[in-house]
């Protein structure tokens, strides 16, 4: 396991950890809980101790570097790097975010080799309906899909994303289903609404149902089972900014 500790976090919000905000479900940080074998990631442990992300097979392991985080090389459903969610006992697991309870917040800090290629950062594998988050192919926007319903969030600040640059992507949903997109804590103008019974489910990182496999580097995945306040979003931004 990498002995990288929390050295970078000291340059962000001093003393802050995502667990300081209530409702934390999982926190995957690229400097913590990463196990490497032959320069490939075999396990990524969540800091809460509840979950692990693991490749389905040795041929599907992401690479690793401190500048880029976990490096997903793309590929098809048979060969593409991706990670599956496991519980602490090592059994397959799925995180379900109950929208109607307290809302949700899904945070992914990552880079894409080509933001316009439509690749997934996370989603569900093996479910009975589509769940995914991806930058839309050929458009300056993100698609967020919950239970086969896709909402498209247009970018305006920034108007587009630069390839091979890390961005913090935040989907913050209220308990009535109203959802906002933030890029590096800049709220985008486009607000979309899901049914309050539409609960997002996550069990795969780097793909969604083994499709549209990411080409890029992932540094942080943070998931809350509540909508974050403006002040809490600012805390998260201060925590993530040094990693960019």
C-alpha atoms as a PDB file:
ATOM      1  CA  UNK A   1       0.000   0.000   0.000  1.00  0.00           C
ATOM      2  CA  UNK A   2       1.281   3.452  -0.826  1.00  0.00           C
ATOM      3  CA  UNK A   3       2.543   5.382   2.162  1.00  0.00           C
ATOM      4  CA  UNK A   4       1.527   8.779   0.843  1.00  0.00           C
ATOM      5  CA  UNK A   5      -0.508  10.064   3.789  1.00  0.00           C
ATOM      6  CA  UNK A   6      -2.179  13.451   3.723  1.00  0.00           C
ATOM      7  CA  UNK A   7       0.741  15.677   2.665  1.00  0.00           C
ATOM      8  CA  UNK A   8      -1.109  17.549  -0.068  1.00  0.00           C
ATOM      9  CA  UNK A   9      -4.207  18.272   2.013  1.00  0.00           C
ATOM     10  CA  UNK A  10      -2.197  20.574   4.263  1.00  0.00           C
ATOM     11  CA  UNK A  11      -2.045  23.106   1.424  1.00  0.00           C
ATOM     12  CA  UNK A  12      -5.838  23.139   1.141  1.00  0.00           C
ATOM     13  CA  UNK A  13      -8.311  23.810   3.944  1.00  0.00           C
ATOM     14  CA  UNK A  14      -6.118  23.171   6.974  1.00  0.00           C
ATOM     15  CA  UNK A  15      -7.345  20.279   9.079  1.00  0.00           C
ATOM     16  CA  UNK A  16     -10.446  19.652   6.948  1.00  0.00           C
ATOM     17  CA  UNK A  17     -11.485  16.173   5.859  1.00  0.00           C
ATOM     18  CA  UNK A  18     -14.618  15.237   3.868  1.00  0.00           C
ATOM     19  CA  UNK A  19     -15.810  13.297   6.934  1.00  0.00           C
ATOM     20  CA  UNK A  20     -16.171  16.635   8.738  1.00  0.00           C
ATOM     21  CA  UNK A  21     -19.353  17.118   6.694  1.00  0.00           C
ATOM     22  CA  UNK A  22     -22.230  14.880   7.753  1.00  0.00           C
ATOM     23  CA  UNK A  23     -23.699  12.399   5.315  1.00  0.00           C
ATOM     24  CA  UNK A  24     -20.421  11.106   3.865  1.00  0.00           C
ATOM     25  CA  UNK A  25     -20.984   7.710   2.244  1.00  0.00           C
ATOM     26  CA  UNK A  26     -17.608   7.156   0.579  1.00  0.00           C
ATOM     27  CA  UNK A  27     -14.380   9.062   0.014  1.00  0.00           C
ATOM     28  CA  UNK A  28     -11.757   7.754  -2.395  1.00  0.00           C
ATOM     29  CA  UNK A  29      -8.567   9.833  -2.342  1.00  0.00           C
ATOM     30  CA  UNK A  30      -5.718   8.943  -4.720  1.00  0.00           C
ATOM     31  CA  UNK A  31      -3.122   9.490  -1.976  1.00  0.00           C
ATOM     32  CA  UNK A  32      -4.773   7.138   0.488  1.00  0.00           C
ATOM     33  CA  UNK A  33      -5.639   3.450   0.466  1.00  0.00           C
ATOM     34  CA  UNK A  34      -4.193   2.675  -2.977  1.00  0.00           C
ATOM     35  CA  UNK A  35      -2.554  -0.742  -3.396  1.00  0.00           C
ATOM     36  CA  UNK A  36      -0.155  -1.184  -6.324  1.00  0.00           C
ATOM     37  CA  UNK A  37       1.177  -4.319  -7.997  1.00  0.00           C
ATOM     38  CA  UNK A  38       3.503  -4.058 -11.021  1.00  0.00           C
ATOM     39  CA  UNK A  39       2.613  -0.365 -11.405  1.00  0.00           C
ATOM     40  CA  UNK A  40      -1.105  -1.175 -11.559  1.00  0.00           C
ATOM     41  CA  UNK A  41      -3.884  -0.525  -9.045  1.00  0.00           C
ATOM     42  CA  UNK A  42      -5.266  -3.664  -7.412  1.00  0.00           C
ATOM     43  CA  UNK A  43      -7.329  -1.942  -4.711  1.00  0.00           C
ATOM     44  CA  UNK A  44      -8.522   1.561  -3.832  1.00  0.00           C
ATOM     45  CA  UNK A  45      -9.852   1.715  -0.272  1.00  0.00           C
ATOM     46  CA  UNK A  46     -12.386   4.337   0.760  1.00  0.00           C
ATOM     47  CA  UNK A  47     -11.260   6.382   3.772  1.00  0.00           C
ATOM     48  CA  UNK A  48     -14.441   5.570   5.740  1.00  0.00           C
ATOM     49  CA  UNK A  49     -13.510   1.873   5.765  1.00  0.00           C
ATOM     50  CA  UNK A  50     -16.818   0.879   4.177  1.00  0.00           C
ATOM     51  CA  UNK A  51     -15.831   0.255   0.563  1.00  0.00           C
ATOM     52  CA  UNK A  52     -13.090  -0.798  -1.834  1.00  0.00           C
ATOM     53  CA  UNK A  53     -12.766  -0.343  -5.580  1.00  0.00           C
ATOM     54  CA  UNK A  54     -11.170  -3.303  -7.353  1.00  0.00           C
ATOM     55  CA  UNK A  55     -10.664  -4.415 -10.978  1.00  0.00           C
ATOM     56  CA  UNK A  56     -12.724  -7.374 -12.160  1.00  0.00           C
ATOM     57  CA  UNK A  57      -9.586  -8.976 -13.574  1.00  0.00           C
ATOM     58  CA  UNK A  58      -5.841  -8.347 -13.767  1.00  0.00           C
ATOM     59  CA  UNK A  59      -6.133  -7.077 -17.334  1.00  0.00           C
ATOM     60  CA  UNK A  60      -8.532  -4.318 -16.288  1.00  0.00           C
ATOM     61  CA  UNK A  61      -6.285  -2.566 -13.741  1.00  0.00           C
ATOM     62  CA  UNK A  62      -5.702   1.198 -13.995  1.00  0.00           C
ATOM     63  CA  UNK A  63      -2.172   2.563 -13.788  1.00  0.00           C
ATOM     64  CA  UNK A  64      -1.018   5.107 -11.224  1.00  0.00           C
ATOM     65  CA  UNK A  65       1.021   8.278 -10.911  1.00  0.00           C
ATOM     66  CA  UNK A  66       0.954  11.085  -8.365  1.00  0.00           C
ATOM     67  CA  UNK A  67       0.557  13.828 -11.012  1.00  0.00           C
ATOM     68  CA  UNK A  68      -2.471  12.107 -12.594  1.00  0.00           C
ATOM     69  CA  UNK A  69      -3.906   9.771  -9.953  1.00  0.00           C
ATOM     70  CA  UNK A  70      -5.409   6.494 -11.121  1.00  0.00           C
ATOM     71  CA  UNK A  71      -4.841   6.271 -14.877  1.00  0.00           C
ATOM     72  CA  UNK A  72      -7.588   4.665 -16.960  1.00  0.00           C
ATOM     73  CA  UNK A  73      -6.396   3.713 -20.442  1.00  0.00           C
ATOM     74  CA  UNK A  74      -9.783   3.185 -22.082  1.00  0.00           C
ATOM     75  CA  UNK A  75     -10.669   0.221 -24.240  1.00  0.00           C
ATOM     76  CA  UNK A  76     -13.805  -1.780 -24.910  1.00  0.00           C
ATOM     77  CA  UNK A  77     -16.065  -3.817 -22.622  1.00  0.00           C
ATOM     78  CA  UNK A  78     -13.596  -6.695 -22.699  1.00  0.00           C
ATOM     79  CA  UNK A  79     -10.333  -4.809 -22.156  1.00  0.00           C
ATOM     80  CA  UNK A  80     -11.094  -1.367 -20.695  1.00  0.00           C
ATOM     81  CA  UNK A  81      -9.697  -0.356 -17.300  1.00  0.00           C
ATOM     82  CA  UNK A  82     -12.429  -0.005 -14.684  1.00  0.00           C
ATOM     83  CA  UNK A  83     -13.059  -0.590 -10.995  1.00  0.00           C
ATOM     84  CA  UNK A  84     -15.925  -2.381  -9.259  1.00  0.00           C
ATOM     85  CA  UNK A  85     -17.315  -1.454  -5.840  1.00  0.00           C
ATOM     86  CA  UNK A  86     -16.897  -3.972  -3.002  1.00  0.00           C
ATOM     87  CA  UNK A  87     -17.919  -3.758   0.641  1.00  0.00           C
ATOM     88  CA  UNK A  88     -15.419  -4.103   3.485  1.00  0.00           C
ATOM     89  CA  UNK A  89     -15.811  -7.902   3.370  1.00  0.00           C
ATOM     90  CA  UNK A  90     -14.924  -7.962  -0.342  1.00  0.00           C
ATOM     91  CA  UNK A  91     -18.413  -8.715  -1.647  1.00  0.00           C
ATOM     92  CA  UNK A  92     -20.010  -6.805  -4.556  1.00  0.00           C
ATOM     93  CA  UNK A  93     -21.710  -3.640  -3.342  1.00  0.00           C
ATOM     94  CA  UNK A  94     -23.835  -0.795  -4.695  1.00  0.00           C
ATOM     95  CA  UNK A  95     -24.258   2.679  -3.212  1.00  0.00           C
ATOM     96  CA  UNK A  96     -27.858   3.878  -3.510  1.00  0.00           C
ATOM     97  CA  UNK A  97     -28.539   7.571  -2.914  1.00  0.00           C
ATOM     98  CA  UNK A  98     -32.083   8.152  -1.664  1.00  0.00           C
ATOM     99  CA  UNK A  99     -33.011  11.405  -3.381  1.00  0.00           C
ATOM    100  CA  UNK A 100     -36.284  11.975  -1.500  1.00  0.00           C
ATOM    101  CA  UNK A 101     -34.606  11.674   1.903  1.00  0.00           C
ATOM    102  CA  UNK A 102     -31.965  14.411   1.967  1.00  0.00           C
ATOM    103  CA  UNK A 103     -30.868  14.671  -1.654  1.00  0.00           C
ATOM    104  CA  UNK A 104     -27.347  13.716  -2.739  1.00  0.00           C
ATOM    105  CA  UNK A 105     -23.954  15.046  -3.777  1.00  0.00           C
ATOM    106  CA  UNK A 106     -21.646  13.206  -6.177  1.00  0.00           C
ATOM    107  CA  UNK A 107     -18.131  14.614  -6.618  1.00  0.00           C
ATOM    108  CA  UNK A 108     -15.562  13.401  -9.147  1.00  0.00           C
ATOM    109  CA  UNK A 109     -12.189  15.079  -9.603  1.00  0.00           C
ATOM    110  CA  UNK A 110     -10.620  13.830 -12.798  1.00  0.00           C
ATOM    111  CA  UNK A 111      -9.127  14.597 -16.187  1.00  0.00           C
ATOM    112  CA  UNK A 112     -10.090  13.317 -19.618  1.00  0.00           C
ATOM    113  CA  UNK A 113      -7.764  12.877 -22.578  1.00  0.00           C
ATOM    114  CA  UNK A 114     -10.661  14.111 -24.711  1.00  0.00           C
ATOM    115  CA  UNK A 115     -13.626  15.643 -22.912  1.00  0.00           C
ATOM    116  CA  UNK A 116     -15.681  15.331 -26.094  1.00  0.00           C
ATOM    117  CA  UNK A 117     -15.393  11.552 -26.348  1.00  0.00           C
ATOM    118  CA  UNK A 118     -18.441  10.828 -24.171  1.00  0.00           C
ATOM    119  CA  UNK A 119     -16.658   8.483 -21.745  1.00  0.00           C
ATOM    120  CA  UNK A 120     -18.106   7.645 -18.313  1.00  0.00           C
ATOM    121  CA  UNK A 121     -16.513   8.553 -15.009  1.00  0.00           C
ATOM    122  CA  UNK A 122     -18.893   6.437 -12.923  1.00  0.00           C
ATOM    123  CA  UNK A 123     -22.169   4.558 -12.967  1.00  0.00           C
ATOM    124  CA  UNK A 124     -23.767   1.198 -12.332  1.00  0.00           C
ATOM    125  CA  UNK A 125     -22.817  -2.215 -13.703  1.00  0.00           C
ATOM    126  CA  UNK A 126     -25.344  -5.027 -13.906  1.00  0.00           C
ATOM    127  CA  UNK A 127     -28.432  -3.094 -12.826  1.00  0.00           C
ATOM    128  CA  UNK A 128     -31.857  -3.162 -14.429  1.00  0.00           C
ATOM    129  CA  UNK A 129     -31.655   0.478 -15.591  1.00  0.00           C
ATOM    130  CA  UNK A 130     -29.003   2.903 -16.833  1.00  0.00           C
ATOM    131  CA  UNK A 131     -27.055   4.979 -14.288  1.00  0.00           C
ATOM    132  CA  UNK A 132     -24.072   7.072 -15.389  1.00  0.00           C
ATOM    133  CA  UNK A 133     -22.199  10.373 -15.367  1.00  0.00           C
ATOM    134  CA  UNK A 134     -20.252  11.470 -18.422  1.00  0.00           C
ATOM    135  CA  UNK A 135     -19.210  14.482 -20.467  1.00  0.00           C
ATOM    136  CA  UNK A 136     -21.436  14.444 -23.554  1.00  0.00           C
ATOM    137  CA  UNK A 137     -19.786  13.460 -26.820  1.00  0.00           C
ATOM    138  CA  UNK A 138     -19.155  16.473 -29.052  1.00  0.00           C
ATOM    139  CA  UNK A 139     -20.835  18.950 -26.717  1.00  0.00           C
ATOM    140  CA  UNK A 140     -19.823  21.234 -23.875  1.00  0.00           C
ATOM    141  CA  UNK A 141     -22.099  19.588 -21.341  1.00  0.00           C
ATOM    142  CA  UNK A 142     -22.482  16.668 -18.941  1.00  0.00           C
ATOM    143  CA  UNK A 143     -25.033  13.867 -19.105  1.00  0.00           C
ATOM    144  CA  UNK A 144     -26.315  12.526 -15.784  1.00  0.00           C
ATOM    145  CA  UNK A 145     -28.493   9.431 -16.079  1.00  0.00           C
ATOM    146  CA  UNK A 146     -30.668   8.050 -13.283  1.00  0.00           C
ATOM    147  CA  UNK A 147     -32.922   5.058 -13.932  1.00  0.00           C
ATOM    148  CA  UNK A 148     -32.838   5.453 -17.736  1.00  0.00           C
ATOM    149  CA  UNK A 149     -33.619   9.191 -17.528  1.00  0.00           C
ATOM    150  CA  UNK A 150     -30.816  11.392 -18.862  1.00  0.00           C
ATOM    151  CA  UNK A 151     -30.566  15.076 -18.065  1.00  0.00           C
ATOM    152  CA  UNK A 152     -28.056  17.213 -19.964  1.00  0.00           C
ATOM    153  CA  UNK A 153     -26.281  20.024 -18.093  1.00  0.00           C
ATOM    154  CA  UNK A 154     -24.804  22.710 -20.349  1.00  0.00           C
ATOM    155  CA  UNK A 155     -21.550  24.385 -19.353  1.00  0.00           C
ATOM    156  CA  UNK A 156     -21.208  28.149 -19.154  1.00  0.00           C
ATOM    157  CA  UNK A 157     -18.481  28.797 -16.548  1.00  0.00           C
ATOM    158  CA  UNK A 158     -16.196  27.519 -17.923  1.00  0.00           C
ATOM    159  CA  UNK A 159     -17.776  27.246 -21.355  1.00  0.00           C
ATOM    160  CA  UNK A 160     -15.627  24.186 -22.131  1.00  0.00           C
ATOM    161  CA  UNK A 161     -13.104  21.910 -20.437  1.00  0.00           C
ATOM    162  CA  UNK A 162      -9.426  21.609 -21.384  1.00  0.00           C
ATOM    163  CA  UNK A 163      -8.198  18.104 -22.239  1.00  0.00           C
ATOM    164  CA  UNK A 164      -5.764  16.480 -19.788  1.00  0.00           C
ATOM    165  CA  UNK A 165      -6.567  18.994 -17.043  1.00  0.00           C
ATOM    166  CA  UNK A 166      -8.108  17.989 -13.715  1.00  0.00           C
ATOM    167  CA  UNK A 167     -11.543  19.433 -12.915  1.00  0.00           C
ATOM    168  CA  UNK A 168     -13.801  18.942  -9.908  1.00  0.00           C
ATOM    169  CA  UNK A 169     -17.232  17.893 -11.185  1.00  0.00           C
ATOM    170  CA  UNK A 170     -20.067  18.134  -8.651  1.00  0.00           C
ATOM    171  CA  UNK A 171     -23.713  17.063  -9.054  1.00  0.00           C
ATOM    172  CA  UNK A 172     -25.652  18.420  -6.082  1.00  0.00           C
ATOM    173  CA  UNK A 173     -29.259  17.248  -5.818  1.00  0.00           C
ATOM    174  CA  UNK A 174     -32.070  18.438  -3.534  1.00  0.00           C
ATOM    175  CA  UNK A 175     -34.665  16.092  -2.020  1.00  0.00           C
ATOM    176  CA  UNK A 176     -37.211  17.199  -4.643  1.00  0.00           C
ATOM    177  CA  UNK A 177     -34.886  16.061  -7.463  1.00  0.00           C
ATOM    178  CA  UNK A 178     -33.679  19.537  -8.523  1.00  0.00           C
ATOM    179  CA  UNK A 179     -30.019  19.062  -9.442  1.00  0.00           C
ATOM    180  CA  UNK A 180     -27.206  21.534 -10.090  1.00  0.00           C
ATOM    181  CA  UNK A 181     -23.832  21.087 -11.756  1.00  0.00           C
ATOM    182  CA  UNK A 182     -20.696  22.756 -10.378  1.00  0.00           C
ATOM    183  CA  UNK A 183     -17.305  22.881 -12.107  1.00  0.00           C
ATOM    184  CA  UNK A 184     -14.516  23.756  -9.642  1.00  0.00           C
ATOM    185  CA  UNK A 185     -17.317  25.087  -7.404  1.00  0.00           C
ATOM    186  CA  UNK A 186     -18.641  27.396 -10.134  1.00  0.00           C
ATOM    187  CA  UNK A 187     -22.386  26.820 -10.352  1.00  0.00           C
ATOM    188  CA  UNK A 188     -23.538  26.341 -13.928  1.00  0.00           C
ATOM    189  CA  UNK A 189     -26.714  28.118 -15.056  1.00  0.00           C
ATOM    190  CA  UNK A 190     -28.440  24.925 -16.185  1.00  0.00           C
ATOM    191  CA  UNK A 191     -30.501  23.287 -13.402  1.00  0.00           C
ATOM    192  CA  UNK A 192     -32.266  20.009 -14.197  1.00  0.00           C
ATOM    193  CA  UNK A 193     -34.881  18.052 -12.262  1.00  0.00           C
ATOM    194  CA  UNK A 194     -35.334  14.338 -11.680  1.00  0.00           C
ATOM    195  CA  UNK A 195     -38.221  12.624  -9.938  1.00  0.00           C
ATOM    196  CA  UNK A 196     -37.688  12.551  -6.191  1.00  0.00           C
ATOM    197  CA  UNK A 197     -38.041   8.760  -6.454  1.00  0.00           C
ATOM    198  CA  UNK A 198     -35.089   8.558  -8.881  1.00  0.00           C
ATOM    199  CA  UNK A 199     -32.252   7.197  -6.741  1.00  0.00           C
ATOM    200  CA  UNK A 200     -28.764   7.216  -8.254  1.00  0.00           C
ATOM    201  CA  UNK A 201     -26.841   3.963  -7.865  1.00  0.00           C
ATOM    202  CA  UNK A 202     -23.060   3.588  -8.137  1.00  0.00           C
ATOM    203  CA  UNK A 203     -20.925   0.467  -8.288  1.00  0.00           C
ATOM    204  CA  UNK A 204     -18.414   1.170 -11.054  1.00  0.00           C
ATOM    205  CA  UNK A 205     -15.717   3.821 -11.644  1.00  0.00           C
ATOM    206  CA  UNK A 206     -14.135   4.443 -15.046  1.00  0.00           C
ATOM    207  CA  UNK A 207     -17.150   3.082 -16.925  1.00  0.00           C
ATOM    208  CA  UNK A 208     -20.894   2.484 -16.635  1.00  0.00           C
ATOM    209  CA  UNK A 209     -22.139  -1.041 -17.273  1.00  0.00           C
ATOM    210  CA  UNK A 210     -18.697  -1.740 -18.807  1.00  0.00           C
ATOM    211  CA  UNK A 211     -19.273   0.790 -21.616  1.00  0.00           C
ATOM    212  CA  UNK A 212     -17.685   4.088 -22.715  1.00  0.00           C
ATOM    213  CA  UNK A 213     -14.572   3.399 -20.651  1.00  0.00           C
ATOM    214  CA  UNK A 214     -12.702   6.465 -19.432  1.00  0.00           C
ATOM    215  CA  UNK A 215      -9.378   7.605 -20.879  1.00  0.00           C
ATOM    216  CA  UNK A 216      -7.917   9.850 -18.201  1.00  0.00           C
ATOM    217  CA  UNK A 217      -6.751  10.234 -14.620  1.00  0.00           C
ATOM    218  CA  UNK A 218      -8.938  10.136 -11.496  1.00  0.00           C
ATOM    219  CA  UNK A 219      -7.869  11.706  -8.196  1.00  0.00           C
ATOM    220  CA  UNK A 220     -10.936  11.869  -5.966  1.00  0.00           C
ATOM    221  CA  UNK A 221     -14.438  10.399  -5.756  1.00  0.00           C
ATOM    222  CA  UNK A 222     -16.571  11.699  -2.864  1.00  0.00           C
ATOM    223  CA  UNK A 223     -20.210  10.736  -2.268  1.00  0.00           C
ATOM    224  CA  UNK A 224     -22.715  12.192   0.189  1.00  0.00           C
ATOM    225  CA  UNK A 225     -26.290  11.070   0.841  1.00  0.00           C
ATOM    226  CA  UNK A 226     -27.477  14.652   1.214  1.00  0.00           C
ATOM    227  CA  UNK A 227     -27.457  17.928  -0.703  1.00  0.00           C
ATOM    228  CA  UNK A 228     -24.475  20.030   0.337  1.00  0.00           C
ATOM    229  CA  UNK A 229     -24.903  23.660   1.387  1.00  0.00           C
ATOM    230  CA  UNK A 230     -23.027  26.540  -0.231  1.00  0.00           C
ATOM    231  CA  UNK A 231     -20.626  26.619   2.720  1.00  0.00           C
ATOM    232  CA  UNK A 232     -20.029  22.864   2.526  1.00  0.00           C
ATOM    233  CA  UNK A 233     -19.366  23.045  -1.213  1.00  0.00           C
ATOM    234  CA  UNK A 234     -16.795  25.760  -0.515  1.00  0.00           C
ATOM    235  CA  UNK A 235     -15.092  23.462   2.009  1.00  0.00           C
ATOM    236  CA  UNK A 236     -14.932  20.672  -0.571  1.00  0.00           C
ATOM    237  CA  UNK A 237     -13.490  23.054  -3.157  1.00  0.00           C
ATOM    238  CA  UNK A 238     -10.767  24.195  -0.757  1.00  0.00           C
ATOM    239  CA  UNK A 239      -9.955  20.548  -0.049  1.00  0.00           C
ATOM    240  CA  UNK A 240      -9.782  19.551  -3.725  1.00  0.00           C
ATOM    241  CA  UNK A 241      -8.122  22.639  -5.233  1.00  0.00           C
ATOM    242  CA  UNK A 242      -4.541  21.696  -4.287  1.00  0.00           C
ATOM    243  CA  UNK A 243      -4.903  18.388  -6.138  1.00  0.00           C
ATOM    244  CA  UNK A 244      -5.561  20.188  -9.413  1.00  0.00           C
END
